[in-house]
Amino acid sequence: MDAPQTLLILYHSLTGGTRQMAEAARAGAAAEPAVSVRLLHAAQAGPDEVLAAQGYLFATPENLAAISGQLKDFFDRCYYPVLDRINGRPYASLVCAGSDGQNAARQITRIATGWRLKAVAEPLVVCTHAQTPEAILAPKQIGAADLVRCRALGEALATGLALGVF
């Protein structure tokens, strides 16, 4: 590939769990020297950042069986300005959930399908089992094994971009 490839990792995190997952994915992706990795909070990203990237990793907590409001705001701001301009680009997702995370994962899949992105991995869901108000609001510490999985996903995305297989 002549032009450098960019992997955009977009996240929102209130209690730190999703941020840890996104940072682990960034560390894995950074191992691929042919790919530039951008880690941005969802509030910092707009259509220009989406258009400048060749691949995406969307990371969110599951809040009330949905993606976080901040990530939803990102999609609301960017959806139409990039529609039909990023077709076929690869994406994957990370979800930090208290129980199962499947609704948030499905919501990202539906949005990505509308953007005509190509899923290159199943959603990676990490369950914290936080079920009380105190546990839900407490700072999270993601386990080492789950962070290894996040790192591997980031590495796989970057490697695929570098090799042009997506």
N, C-alpha and C. Protein backbone atom coordinates (compact mmCIF):
# COMPACT_ATOMS: atom_id res chain seq x y z
N MET A 1 0.84 -1.17 0.00
CA MET A 1 0.00 0.00 0.00
C MET A 1 0.89 1.24 0.00
N ASP A 2 0.54 2.19 -0.87
CA ASP A 2 1.32 3.41 -0.98
C ASP A 2 0.97 4.40 0.11
N ALA A 3 -0.31 4.67 0.30
CA ALA A 3 -0.75 5.63 1.31
C ALA A 3 -0.79 4.98 2.68
N PRO A 4 -0.38 5.71 3.71
CA PRO A 4 -0.49 5.14 5.06
C PRO A 4 -1.95 4.90 5.43
N GLN A 5 -2.19 3.83 6.13
CA GLN A 5 -3.54 3.48 6.58
C GLN A 5 -3.74 4.02 7.99
N THR A 6 -4.96 4.45 8.29
CA THR A 6 -5.28 4.96 9.61
C THR A 6 -6.41 4.15 10.21
N LEU A 7 -6.20 3.70 11.44
CA LEU A 7 -7.24 3.04 12.23
C LEU A 7 -7.72 4.05 13.25
N LEU A 8 -9.01 4.36 13.23
CA LEU A 8 -9.61 5.29 14.17
C LEU A 8 -10.33 4.49 15.25
N ILE A 9 -9.90 4.67 16.48
CA ILE A 9 -10.54 4.03 17.63
C ILE A 9 -11.33 5.10 18.36
N LEU A 10 -12.64 4.97 18.35
CA LEU A 10 -13.54 5.92 18.99
C LEU A 10 -14.14 5.29 20.23
N TYR A 11 -14.14 6.04 21.33
CA TYR A 11 -14.66 5.46 22.57
C TYR A 11 -15.37 6.51 23.40
N HIS A 12 -16.18 6.01 24.30
CA HIS A 12 -16.71 6.80 25.41
C HIS A 12 -16.61 5.92 26.64
N SER A 13 -16.28 6.53 27.75
CA SER A 13 -16.15 5.78 28.99
C SER A 13 -16.46 6.69 30.16
N LEU A 14 -17.35 6.25 31.02
CA LEU A 14 -17.68 7.02 32.21
C LEU A 14 -16.90 6.52 33.42
N THR A 15 -16.76 5.21 33.54
CA THR A 15 -16.11 4.64 34.73
C THR A 15 -14.74 4.02 34.43
N GLY A 16 -14.25 4.20 33.22
CA GLY A 16 -12.90 3.77 32.88
C GLY A 16 -12.76 2.42 32.22
N GLY A 17 -13.76 1.57 32.28
CA GLY A 17 -13.64 0.23 31.71
C GLY A 17 -13.47 0.25 30.20
N THR A 18 -14.33 0.99 29.53
CA THR A 18 -14.26 1.06 28.07
C THR A 18 -12.96 1.73 27.64
N ARG A 19 -12.53 2.72 28.37
CA ARG A 19 -11.26 3.39 28.01
C ARG A 19 -10.09 2.40 28.10
N GLN A 20 -10.06 1.59 29.13
CA GLN A 20 -9.00 0.58 29.25
C GLN A 20 -9.03 -0.38 28.06
N MET A 21 -10.22 -0.77 27.66
CA MET A 21 -10.35 -1.67 26.52
C MET A 21 -9.84 -1.01 25.24
N ALA A 22 -10.23 0.26 25.02
CA ALA A 22 -9.80 0.99 23.83
C ALA A 22 -8.29 1.21 23.83
N GLU A 23 -7.73 1.50 25.00
CA GLU A 23 -6.28 1.70 25.09
C GLU A 23 -5.52 0.41 24.82
N ALA A 24 -6.06 -0.70 25.27
CA ALA A 24 -5.42 -2.00 24.99
C ALA A 24 -5.46 -2.27 23.49
N ALA A 25 -6.59 -1.98 22.84
CA ALA A 25 -6.70 -2.16 21.40
C ALA A 25 -5.70 -1.25 20.67
N ARG A 26 -5.57 -0.03 21.16
CA ARG A 26 -4.59 0.90 20.56
C ARG A 26 -3.18 0.34 20.68
N ALA A 27 -2.84 -0.20 21.83
CA ALA A 27 -1.51 -0.77 22.03
C ALA A 27 -1.27 -1.91 21.05
N GLY A 28 -2.26 -2.76 20.84
CA GLY A 28 -2.11 -3.84 19.88
C GLY A 28 -1.96 -3.33 18.47
N ALA A 29 -2.78 -2.34 18.11
CA ALA A 29 -2.71 -1.78 16.76
C ALA A 29 -1.39 -1.07 16.51
N ALA A 30 -0.85 -0.45 17.55
CA ALA A 30 0.40 0.30 17.41
C ALA A 30 1.58 -0.61 17.07
N ALA A 31 1.43 -1.91 17.28
CA ALA A 31 2.51 -2.84 16.94
C ALA A 31 2.71 -2.95 15.43
N GLU A 32 1.73 -2.47 14.65
CA GLU A 32 1.83 -2.51 13.19
C GLU A 32 2.37 -1.16 12.70
N PRO A 33 3.64 -1.11 12.28
CA PRO A 33 4.23 0.18 11.93
C PRO A 33 3.64 0.84 10.67
N ALA A 34 2.98 0.08 9.83
CA ALA A 34 2.43 0.65 8.59
C ALA A 34 1.08 1.33 8.80
N VAL A 35 0.57 1.31 10.03
CA VAL A 35 -0.75 1.88 10.31
C VAL A 35 -0.62 2.96 11.38
N SER A 36 -1.25 4.08 11.11
CA SER A 36 -1.35 5.15 12.09
C SER A 36 -2.61 4.89 12.92
N VAL A 37 -2.48 4.98 14.22
CA VAL A 37 -3.62 4.70 15.10
C VAL A 37 -4.03 5.99 15.80
N ARG A 38 -5.31 6.33 15.69
CA ARG A 38 -5.85 7.49 16.39
C ARG A 38 -6.88 7.01 17.40
N LEU A 39 -6.67 7.35 18.65
CA LEU A 39 -7.61 7.05 19.73
C LEU A 39 -8.27 8.36 20.12
N LEU A 40 -9.58 8.44 19.91
CA LEU A 40 -10.30 9.67 20.21
C LEU A 40 -11.54 9.39 21.04
N HIS A 41 -11.79 10.26 22.00
CA HIS A 41 -13.06 10.25 22.71
C HIS A 41 -14.13 10.63 21.70
N ALA A 42 -15.29 10.02 21.81
CA ALA A 42 -16.37 10.25 20.84
C ALA A 42 -16.70 11.73 20.69
N ALA A 43 -16.59 12.51 21.76
CA ALA A 43 -16.91 13.94 21.70
C ALA A 43 -15.88 14.71 20.88
N GLN A 44 -14.68 14.16 20.69
CA GLN A 44 -13.61 14.84 19.95
C GLN A 44 -13.63 14.53 18.46
N ALA A 45 -14.41 13.57 18.03
CA ALA A 45 -14.37 13.12 16.64
C ALA A 45 -15.55 13.65 15.86
N GLY A 46 -15.28 13.91 14.59
CA GLY A 46 -16.33 14.36 13.69
C GLY A 46 -16.15 13.73 12.32
N PRO A 47 -16.91 14.19 11.36
CA PRO A 47 -16.84 13.61 10.01
C PRO A 47 -15.44 13.61 9.41
N ASP A 48 -14.66 14.66 9.64
CA ASP A 48 -13.31 14.72 9.06
C ASP A 48 -12.45 13.56 9.54
N GLU A 49 -12.54 13.22 10.82
CA GLU A 49 -11.76 12.12 11.36
C GLU A 49 -12.23 10.78 10.78
N VAL A 50 -13.52 10.65 10.60
CA VAL A 50 -14.07 9.42 10.03
C VAL A 50 -13.60 9.26 8.58
N LEU A 51 -13.68 10.32 7.81
CA LEU A 51 -13.29 10.26 6.41
C LEU A 51 -11.79 10.00 6.24
N ALA A 52 -10.98 10.48 7.18
CA ALA A 52 -9.53 10.33 7.08
C ALA A 52 -9.04 8.93 7.44
N ALA A 53 -9.90 8.12 8.04
CA ALA A 53 -9.50 6.77 8.48
C ALA A 53 -9.95 5.73 7.47
N GLN A 54 -9.20 4.63 7.44
CA GLN A 54 -9.55 3.51 6.56
C GLN A 54 -10.18 2.35 7.31
N GLY A 55 -10.18 2.41 8.64
CA GLY A 55 -10.78 1.38 9.47
C GLY A 55 -11.20 1.97 10.81
N TYR A 56 -12.12 1.28 11.49
CA TYR A 56 -12.72 1.83 12.70
C TYR A 56 -12.87 0.77 13.78
N LEU A 57 -12.69 1.21 15.02
CA LEU A 57 -13.03 0.40 16.18
C LEU A 57 -13.87 1.28 17.09
N PHE A 58 -15.12 0.88 17.29
CA PHE A 58 -16.05 1.64 18.11
C PHE A 58 -16.13 0.97 19.48
N ALA A 59 -15.91 1.76 20.55
CA ALA A 59 -15.88 1.21 21.91
C ALA A 59 -16.85 1.99 22.79
N THR A 60 -17.71 1.25 23.50
CA THR A 60 -18.74 1.89 24.30
C THR A 60 -19.08 1.05 25.53
N PRO A 61 -19.52 1.72 26.60
CA PRO A 61 -20.19 0.96 27.65
C PRO A 61 -21.62 0.69 27.19
N GLU A 62 -22.21 -0.32 27.75
CA GLU A 62 -23.65 -0.52 27.51
C GLU A 62 -24.38 0.18 28.65
N ASN A 63 -25.18 1.18 28.29
CA ASN A 63 -25.96 1.94 29.25
C ASN A 63 -27.44 1.72 28.95
N LEU A 64 -28.15 1.17 29.90
CA LEU A 64 -29.58 0.92 29.74
C LEU A 64 -29.87 0.16 28.45
N ALA A 65 -29.08 -0.88 28.20
CA ALA A 65 -29.22 -1.77 27.04
C ALA A 65 -28.98 -1.05 25.72
N ALA A 66 -28.11 -0.03 25.72
CA ALA A 66 -27.82 0.72 24.49
C ALA A 66 -26.39 1.24 24.54
N ILE A 67 -25.92 1.75 23.38
CA ILE A 67 -24.63 2.40 23.38
C ILE A 67 -24.72 3.66 24.23
N SER A 68 -23.59 4.18 24.65
CA SER A 68 -23.59 5.38 25.48
C SER A 68 -24.12 6.57 24.70
N GLY A 69 -24.64 7.54 25.41
CA GLY A 69 -25.14 8.75 24.78
C GLY A 69 -24.07 9.49 24.01
N GLN A 70 -22.84 9.49 24.53
CA GLN A 70 -21.74 10.17 23.83
C GLN A 70 -21.43 9.51 22.49
N LEU A 71 -21.42 8.17 22.46
CA LEU A 71 -21.16 7.50 21.18
C LEU A 71 -22.34 7.71 20.24
N LYS A 72 -23.56 7.69 20.76
CA LYS A 72 -24.74 7.96 19.94
C LYS A 72 -24.67 9.36 19.37
N ASP A 73 -24.23 10.33 20.16
CA ASP A 73 -24.06 11.69 19.68
C ASP A 73 -23.04 11.74 18.54
N PHE A 74 -21.94 11.02 18.67
CA PHE A 74 -20.95 10.94 17.59
C PHE A 74 -21.61 10.44 16.31
N PHE A 75 -22.33 9.33 16.40
CA PHE A 75 -22.99 8.79 15.22
C PHE A 75 -24.02 9.78 14.66
N ASP A 76 -24.76 10.44 15.52
CA ASP A 76 -25.74 11.43 15.06
C ASP A 76 -25.07 12.57 14.28
N ARG A 77 -23.92 13.04 14.77
CA ARG A 77 -23.22 14.15 14.12
C ARG A 77 -22.54 13.74 12.82
N CYS A 78 -22.14 12.48 12.73
CA CYS A 78 -21.32 12.05 11.60
C CYS A 78 -22.06 11.24 10.55
N TYR A 79 -23.19 10.69 10.90
CA TYR A 79 -23.83 9.71 10.03
C TYR A 79 -24.05 10.24 8.61
N TYR A 80 -24.80 11.29 8.45
CA TYR A 80 -25.12 11.76 7.10
C TYR A 80 -23.94 12.42 6.38
N PRO A 81 -23.07 13.17 7.07
CA PRO A 81 -21.93 13.76 6.35
C PRO A 81 -20.97 12.73 5.72
N VAL A 82 -20.93 11.49 6.25
CA VAL A 82 -20.02 10.50 5.67
C VAL A 82 -20.74 9.38 4.92
N LEU A 83 -22.06 9.41 4.93
CA LEU A 83 -22.85 8.36 4.27
C LEU A 83 -22.46 8.25 2.80
N ASP A 84 -22.24 7.03 2.36
CA ASP A 84 -21.83 6.69 0.99
C ASP A 84 -20.42 7.17 0.64
N ARG A 85 -19.65 7.56 1.66
CA ARG A 85 -18.27 7.98 1.42
C ARG A 85 -17.27 7.04 2.09
N ILE A 86 -17.77 6.11 2.89
CA ILE A 86 -16.87 5.17 3.60
C ILE A 86 -17.29 3.72 3.36
N ASN A 87 -18.09 3.49 2.35
CA ASN A 87 -18.61 2.15 2.07
C ASN A 87 -17.48 1.13 2.00
N GLY A 88 -17.70 -0.03 2.63
CA GLY A 88 -16.78 -1.14 2.53
C GLY A 88 -15.60 -1.10 3.47
N ARG A 89 -15.44 -0.03 4.22
CA ARG A 89 -14.30 0.04 5.15
C ARG A 89 -14.55 -0.91 6.33
N PRO A 90 -13.48 -1.46 6.90
CA PRO A 90 -13.64 -2.42 7.98
C PRO A 90 -13.90 -1.76 9.33
N TYR A 91 -14.62 -2.51 10.17
CA TYR A 91 -14.84 -2.03 11.54
C TYR A 91 -14.98 -3.23 12.46
N ALA A 92 -14.81 -2.93 13.74
CA ALA A 92 -15.09 -3.88 14.82
C ALA A 92 -15.59 -3.06 16.00
N SER A 93 -16.06 -3.74 17.05
CA SER A 93 -16.58 -3.02 18.20
C SER A 93 -16.17 -3.69 19.52
N LEU A 94 -16.10 -2.84 20.54
CA LEU A 94 -15.84 -3.25 21.92
C LEU A 94 -16.99 -2.75 22.77
N VAL A 95 -17.50 -3.61 23.66
CA VAL A 95 -18.58 -3.21 24.56
C VAL A 95 -18.20 -3.63 25.97
N CYS A 96 -18.27 -2.67 26.89
CA CYS A 96 -18.07 -2.95 28.31
C CYS A 96 -19.46 -2.95 28.94
N ALA A 97 -19.88 -4.11 29.44
CA ALA A 97 -21.26 -4.27 29.90
C ALA A 97 -21.32 -4.78 31.33
N GLY A 98 -22.41 -4.44 31.99
CA GLY A 98 -22.65 -4.96 33.33
C GLY A 98 -23.28 -6.33 33.30
N SER A 99 -24.06 -6.61 32.26
CA SER A 99 -24.71 -7.92 32.19
C SER A 99 -24.37 -8.65 30.90
N ASP A 100 -24.90 -8.20 29.73
CA ASP A 100 -24.58 -9.00 28.54
C ASP A 100 -24.04 -8.20 27.35
N GLY A 101 -24.38 -6.95 27.19
CA GLY A 101 -23.80 -6.12 26.15
C GLY A 101 -24.33 -6.34 24.75
N GLN A 102 -25.21 -7.29 24.57
CA GLN A 102 -25.64 -7.64 23.21
C GLN A 102 -26.47 -6.56 22.53
N ASN A 103 -27.28 -5.83 23.29
CA ASN A 103 -28.08 -4.77 22.66
C ASN A 103 -27.19 -3.64 22.14
N ALA A 104 -26.18 -3.26 22.90
CA ALA A 104 -25.25 -2.22 22.43
C ALA A 104 -24.49 -2.71 21.20
N ALA A 105 -24.07 -3.96 21.22
CA ALA A 105 -23.36 -4.52 20.06
C ALA A 105 -24.25 -4.51 18.83
N ARG A 106 -25.52 -4.89 19.00
CA ARG A 106 -26.46 -4.87 17.88
C ARG A 106 -26.69 -3.46 17.36
N GLN A 107 -26.74 -2.49 18.26
CA GLN A 107 -26.97 -1.12 17.85
C GLN A 107 -25.80 -0.62 16.99
N ILE A 108 -24.57 -0.90 17.38
CA ILE A 108 -23.42 -0.52 16.57
C ILE A 108 -23.48 -1.23 15.21
N THR A 109 -23.82 -2.51 15.23
CA THR A 109 -23.91 -3.26 13.97
C THR A 109 -24.93 -2.64 13.03
N ARG A 110 -26.06 -2.22 13.56
CA ARG A 110 -27.10 -1.60 12.71
C ARG A 110 -26.62 -0.29 12.11
N ILE A 111 -25.94 0.52 12.92
CA ILE A 111 -25.43 1.79 12.41
C ILE A 111 -24.35 1.54 11.36
N ALA A 112 -23.44 0.62 11.66
CA ALA A 112 -22.36 0.30 10.71
C ALA A 112 -22.92 -0.28 9.41
N THR A 113 -23.98 -1.05 9.51
CA THR A 113 -24.62 -1.58 8.31
C THR A 113 -25.19 -0.44 7.46
N GLY A 114 -25.78 0.53 8.09
CA GLY A 114 -26.29 1.70 7.37
C GLY A 114 -25.17 2.46 6.68
N TRP A 115 -24.00 2.50 7.31
CA TRP A 115 -22.83 3.15 6.71
C TRP A 115 -22.18 2.24 5.66
N ARG A 116 -22.68 1.01 5.56
CA ARG A 116 -22.14 0.02 4.63
C ARG A 116 -20.69 -0.34 4.94
N LEU A 117 -20.38 -0.36 6.25
CA LEU A 117 -19.07 -0.81 6.69
C LEU A 117 -19.03 -2.33 6.69
N LYS A 118 -17.84 -2.87 6.72
CA LYS A 118 -17.65 -4.32 6.69
C LYS A 118 -17.18 -4.79 8.08
N ALA A 119 -17.99 -5.60 8.73
CA ALA A 119 -17.59 -6.17 10.03
C ALA A 119 -16.47 -7.17 9.79
N VAL A 120 -15.37 -7.02 10.51
CA VAL A 120 -14.24 -7.93 10.34
C VAL A 120 -13.99 -8.78 11.59
N ALA A 121 -14.84 -8.62 12.60
CA ALA A 121 -14.75 -9.43 13.82
C ALA A 121 -16.10 -9.36 14.53
N GLU A 122 -16.38 -10.38 15.29
CA GLU A 122 -17.57 -10.35 16.14
C GLU A 122 -17.36 -9.28 17.22
N PRO A 123 -18.45 -8.64 17.71
CA PRO A 123 -18.28 -7.68 18.79
C PRO A 123 -17.59 -8.33 19.99
N LEU A 124 -16.63 -7.63 20.56
CA LEU A 124 -15.93 -8.13 21.74
C LEU A 124 -16.60 -7.49 22.96
N VAL A 125 -17.28 -8.31 23.74
CA VAL A 125 -18.01 -7.84 24.91
C VAL A 125 -17.29 -8.30 26.17
N VAL A 126 -17.02 -7.36 27.07
CA VAL A 126 -16.46 -7.67 28.37
C VAL A 126 -17.53 -7.36 29.41
N CYS A 127 -17.86 -8.35 30.20
CA CYS A 127 -18.91 -8.21 31.21
C CYS A 127 -18.29 -7.99 32.59
N THR A 128 -18.65 -6.87 33.22
CA THR A 128 -18.12 -6.54 34.55
C THR A 128 -19.01 -7.09 35.67
N HIS A 129 -20.20 -7.51 35.35
CA HIS A 129 -21.18 -8.03 36.30
C HIS A 129 -21.60 -6.99 37.33
N ALA A 130 -21.46 -5.71 37.00
CA ALA A 130 -21.89 -4.63 37.89
C ALA A 130 -23.41 -4.54 37.81
N GLN A 131 -24.09 -4.76 38.93
CA GLN A 131 -25.55 -4.79 38.92
C GLN A 131 -26.21 -3.87 39.93
N THR A 132 -25.48 -3.36 40.89
CA THR A 132 -26.07 -2.42 41.84
C THR A 132 -25.69 -1.00 41.42
N PRO A 133 -26.44 -0.01 41.86
CA PRO A 133 -26.06 1.36 41.50
C PRO A 133 -24.62 1.70 41.89
N GLU A 134 -24.20 1.22 43.05
CA GLU A 134 -22.83 1.51 43.51
C GLU A 134 -21.80 0.84 42.59
N ALA A 135 -22.03 -0.41 42.23
CA ALA A 135 -21.09 -1.13 41.37
C ALA A 135 -21.09 -0.56 39.96
N ILE A 136 -22.24 -0.16 39.48
CA ILE A 136 -22.34 0.40 38.13
C ILE A 136 -21.55 1.70 38.03
N LEU A 137 -21.64 2.54 39.05
CA LEU A 137 -20.99 3.85 39.02
C LEU A 137 -19.52 3.80 39.47
N ALA A 138 -19.09 2.69 40.04
CA ALA A 138 -17.71 2.59 40.55
C ALA A 138 -16.70 2.52 39.40
N PRO A 139 -15.49 3.05 39.61
CA PRO A 139 -14.43 2.89 38.60
C PRO A 139 -14.21 1.40 38.31
N LYS A 140 -14.01 1.09 37.05
CA LYS A 140 -13.84 -0.31 36.63
C LYS A 140 -12.37 -0.65 36.46
N GLN A 141 -12.06 -1.91 36.69
CA GLN A 141 -10.73 -2.44 36.40
C GLN A 141 -10.93 -3.69 35.54
N ILE A 142 -10.58 -3.57 34.27
CA ILE A 142 -10.76 -4.69 33.34
C ILE A 142 -9.64 -5.70 33.57
N GLY A 143 -9.99 -6.96 33.61
CA GLY A 143 -9.02 -8.03 33.88
C GLY A 143 -8.00 -8.19 32.76
N ALA A 144 -6.86 -8.72 33.13
CA ALA A 144 -5.75 -8.89 32.19
C ALA A 144 -6.13 -9.73 30.97
N ALA A 145 -6.86 -10.82 31.18
CA ALA A 145 -7.23 -11.69 30.06
C ALA A 145 -8.12 -10.96 29.06
N ASP A 146 -9.05 -10.14 29.57
CA ASP A 146 -9.92 -9.37 28.67
C ASP A 146 -9.12 -8.29 27.94
N LEU A 147 -8.16 -7.68 28.60
CA LEU A 147 -7.34 -6.67 27.94
C LEU A 147 -6.48 -7.31 26.85
N VAL A 148 -6.04 -8.54 27.06
CA VAL A 148 -5.29 -9.25 26.02
C VAL A 148 -6.18 -9.45 24.79
N ARG A 149 -7.44 -9.79 25.00
CA ARG A 149 -8.38 -9.95 23.88
C ARG A 149 -8.57 -8.64 23.13
N CYS A 150 -8.67 -7.53 23.86
CA CYS A 150 -8.83 -6.22 23.23
C CYS A 150 -7.57 -5.86 22.43
N ARG A 151 -6.43 -6.14 23.02
CA ARG A 151 -5.16 -5.86 22.33
C ARG A 151 -5.08 -6.67 21.03
N ALA A 152 -5.47 -7.92 21.10
CA ALA A 152 -5.42 -8.79 19.92
C ALA A 152 -6.35 -8.28 18.82
N LEU A 153 -7.51 -7.76 19.20
CA LEU A 153 -8.43 -7.22 18.21
C LEU A 153 -7.82 -6.00 17.53
N GLY A 154 -7.23 -5.12 18.30
CA GLY A 154 -6.57 -3.95 17.72
C GLY A 154 -5.44 -4.35 16.78
N GLU A 155 -4.67 -5.34 17.19
CA GLU A 155 -3.56 -5.81 16.36
C GLU A 155 -4.09 -6.43 15.06
N ALA A 156 -5.15 -7.20 15.15
CA ALA A 156 -5.72 -7.83 13.96
C ALA A 156 -6.26 -6.79 12.98
N LEU A 157 -6.94 -5.78 13.50
CA LEU A 157 -7.45 -4.72 12.63
C LEU A 157 -6.32 -4.00 11.92
N ALA A 158 -5.29 -3.63 12.66
CA ALA A 158 -4.17 -2.91 12.06
C ALA A 158 -3.43 -3.78 11.05
N THR A 159 -3.24 -5.04 11.37
CA THR A 159 -2.55 -5.95 10.44
C THR A 159 -3.35 -6.11 9.16
N GLY A 160 -4.65 -6.27 9.28
CA GLY A 160 -5.51 -6.38 8.10
C GLY A 160 -5.46 -5.13 7.24
N LEU A 161 -5.46 -3.97 7.87
CA LEU A 161 -5.33 -2.72 7.11
C LEU A 161 -3.99 -2.64 6.40
N ALA A 162 -2.91 -3.00 7.11
CA ALA A 162 -1.57 -2.93 6.53
C ALA A 162 -1.43 -3.87 5.35
N LEU A 163 -2.02 -5.05 5.44
CA LEU A 163 -1.92 -6.04 4.37
C LEU A 163 -2.93 -5.81 3.26
N GLY A 164 -3.88 -4.93 3.49
CA GLY A 164 -4.90 -4.67 2.48
C GLY A 164 -5.88 -5.80 2.30
N VAL A 165 -6.11 -6.58 3.35
CA VAL A 165 -7.02 -7.73 3.22
C VAL A 165 -8.49 -7.38 3.48
N PHE A 166 -8.74 -6.18 3.95
CA PHE A 166 -10.14 -5.80 4.23
C PHE A 166 -10.73 -5.06 3.05
